[in-house]
Amino acid sequence: MARVATTPVAASTTGAICTPAAFTADGISVPNDGRTAVVVNNGAVGSVNITTQFGDRAQVDGVVPADRVKAVAPATSQVFGPWGSEYDQGGADGRVVFLDVSAPASVTYSVIRVTPK
């Protein structure tokens, strides 16, 4: 299975339908446009780690930083994003962010884009 390319749901003052999708072991790619965020819901009985990968152009003194890992407690939701250009994956993937989950069973996500009025 390949990484899942996501399509954000546009937020709306009238309420947008946002159906959570199941995480896969290969992770997801999310548009990196400065207006997109991911809501991760952990329905598992234990914590899971969400890893946000830095892009290969992100460097500190010539060294690519370690990917960012954040624990999501059981039965909770956390919002990730928006991200800066240091997370862009480049190449054929372009301006996207890669997110991975340590244990995908019982973990869902929703991708939301907020556009200023």
Protein backbone atom coordinates (compact mmCIF):
# COMPACT_ATOMS: atom_id res chain seq x y z
CA MET A 1 0.00 0.00 0.00
CA ALA A 2 1.23 3.53 -0.71
CA ARG A 3 1.05 6.72 1.30
CA VAL A 4 -2.47 8.16 1.06
CA ALA A 5 -2.77 11.57 -0.61
CA THR A 6 -5.45 13.53 1.22
CA THR A 7 -7.95 16.13 0.06
CA PRO A 8 -8.89 18.76 2.65
CA VAL A 9 -12.48 19.60 3.50
CA ALA A 10 -13.11 23.35 3.33
CA ALA A 11 -14.29 24.72 6.66
CA SER A 12 -17.58 26.61 6.49
CA THR A 13 -19.69 28.82 8.72
CA THR A 14 -22.66 26.61 7.76
CA GLY A 15 -20.83 23.44 8.80
CA ALA A 16 -18.84 21.20 6.49
CA ILE A 17 -19.24 17.43 6.54
CA CYS A 18 -15.94 15.94 7.62
CA THR A 19 -15.84 12.15 7.65
CA PRO A 20 -12.78 10.71 9.44
CA ALA A 21 -10.66 8.25 7.45
CA ALA A 22 -8.64 5.34 8.83
CA PHE A 23 -4.87 5.80 9.03
CA THR A 24 -2.83 3.24 7.12
CA ALA A 25 0.59 1.85 7.97
CA ASP A 26 2.07 3.83 5.04
CA GLY A 27 0.87 7.19 6.39
CA ILE A 28 -0.68 10.19 4.67
CA SER A 29 0.45 13.20 2.67
CA VAL A 30 -1.25 16.53 3.36
CA PRO A 31 -1.15 19.70 1.21
CA ASN A 32 1.21 22.26 2.74
CA ASP A 33 -0.50 25.53 1.89
CA GLY A 34 -0.45 27.24 5.29
CA ARG A 35 -4.23 26.78 5.71
CA THR A 36 -4.53 23.03 6.19
CA ALA A 37 -4.58 21.05 9.44
CA VAL A 38 -5.10 17.42 10.40
CA VAL A 39 -7.26 16.27 13.29
CA VAL A 40 -6.03 12.91 14.60
CA ASN A 41 -8.43 10.82 16.69
CA ASN A 42 -6.90 8.03 18.76
CA GLY A 43 -9.54 5.41 19.50
CA ALA A 44 -6.94 2.89 20.70
CA VAL A 45 -6.46 1.81 24.32
CA GLY A 46 -2.85 3.05 24.30
CA SER A 47 -0.96 6.09 23.09
CA VAL A 48 0.17 6.32 19.48
CA ASN A 49 2.93 8.44 18.00
CA ILE A 50 2.32 10.77 15.09
CA THR A 51 5.52 11.50 13.17
CA THR A 52 5.73 14.60 10.99
CA GLN A 53 8.64 14.30 8.57
CA PHE A 54 10.92 17.24 7.80
CA GLY A 55 11.66 17.73 4.11
CA ASP A 56 15.13 17.00 2.75
CA ARG A 57 15.75 20.74 2.27
CA ALA A 58 15.19 21.49 5.99
CA GLN A 59 18.63 21.88 7.47
CA VAL A 60 20.26 23.25 10.59
CA ASP A 61 23.99 23.77 10.10
CA GLY A 62 23.86 21.42 7.10
CA VAL A 63 22.07 18.66 9.00
CA VAL A 64 18.46 17.57 8.41
CA PRO A 65 16.67 17.68 11.79
CA ALA A 66 15.09 14.58 13.31
CA ASP A 67 11.44 14.12 12.40
CA ARG A 68 8.96 15.52 14.92
CA VAL A 69 7.23 12.83 17.01
CA LYS A 70 4.20 13.61 19.17
CA ALA A 71 2.30 11.14 21.36
CA VAL A 72 -1.49 11.17 21.15
CA ALA A 73 -3.09 9.76 24.31
CA PRO A 74 -5.84 7.14 24.10
CA ALA A 75 -9.38 8.37 23.52
CA THR A 76 -8.22 11.88 22.57
CA SER A 77 -7.95 14.04 19.48
CA GLN A 78 -5.13 16.41 18.54
CA VAL A 79 -4.81 18.96 15.75
CA PHE A 80 -1.58 19.15 13.71
CA GLY A 81 -0.57 21.97 11.36
CA PRO A 82 -0.32 24.23 9.59
CA TRP A 83 3.34 23.68 8.72
CA GLY A 84 6.18 25.80 7.36
CA SER A 85 8.12 25.12 4.17
CA GLU A 86 10.74 23.11 6.10
CA TYR A 87 8.24 20.21 6.01
CA ASP A 88 7.82 20.27 2.20
CA GLN A 89 8.80 16.93 0.73
CA GLY A 90 9.88 18.34 -2.65
CA GLY A 91 10.46 16.27 -5.77
CA ALA A 92 7.37 14.75 -7.32
CA ASP A 93 5.49 15.22 -4.04
CA GLY A 94 6.01 19.00 -4.01
CA ARG A 95 4.40 21.05 -1.26
CA VAL A 96 3.07 18.29 0.93
CA VAL A 97 3.73 17.12 4.47
CA PHE A 98 4.16 13.44 5.37
CA LEU A 99 2.52 12.15 8.57
CA ASP A 100 2.96 8.63 9.91
CA VAL A 101 1.35 6.79 12.82
CA SER A 102 3.05 4.20 15.02
CA ALA A 103 -0.01 1.92 15.29
CA PRO A 104 -2.76 2.68 12.75
CA ALA A 105 -5.47 0.43 14.19
CA SER A 106 -8.25 2.56 15.73
CA VAL A 107 -6.65 5.84 14.62
CA THR A 108 -8.53 8.12 12.22
CA TYR A 109 -7.86 11.54 10.75
CA SER A 110 -9.69 14.44 9.11
CA VAL A 111 -8.00 17.05 6.93
CA ILE A 112 -9.46 20.56 7.13
CA ARG A 113 -8.61 23.72 5.19
CA VAL A 114 -9.52 27.12 6.60
CA THR A 115 -9.79 30.02 4.19
CA PRO A 116 -10.01 33.54 5.62
CA LYS A 117 -13.12 35.52 4.72
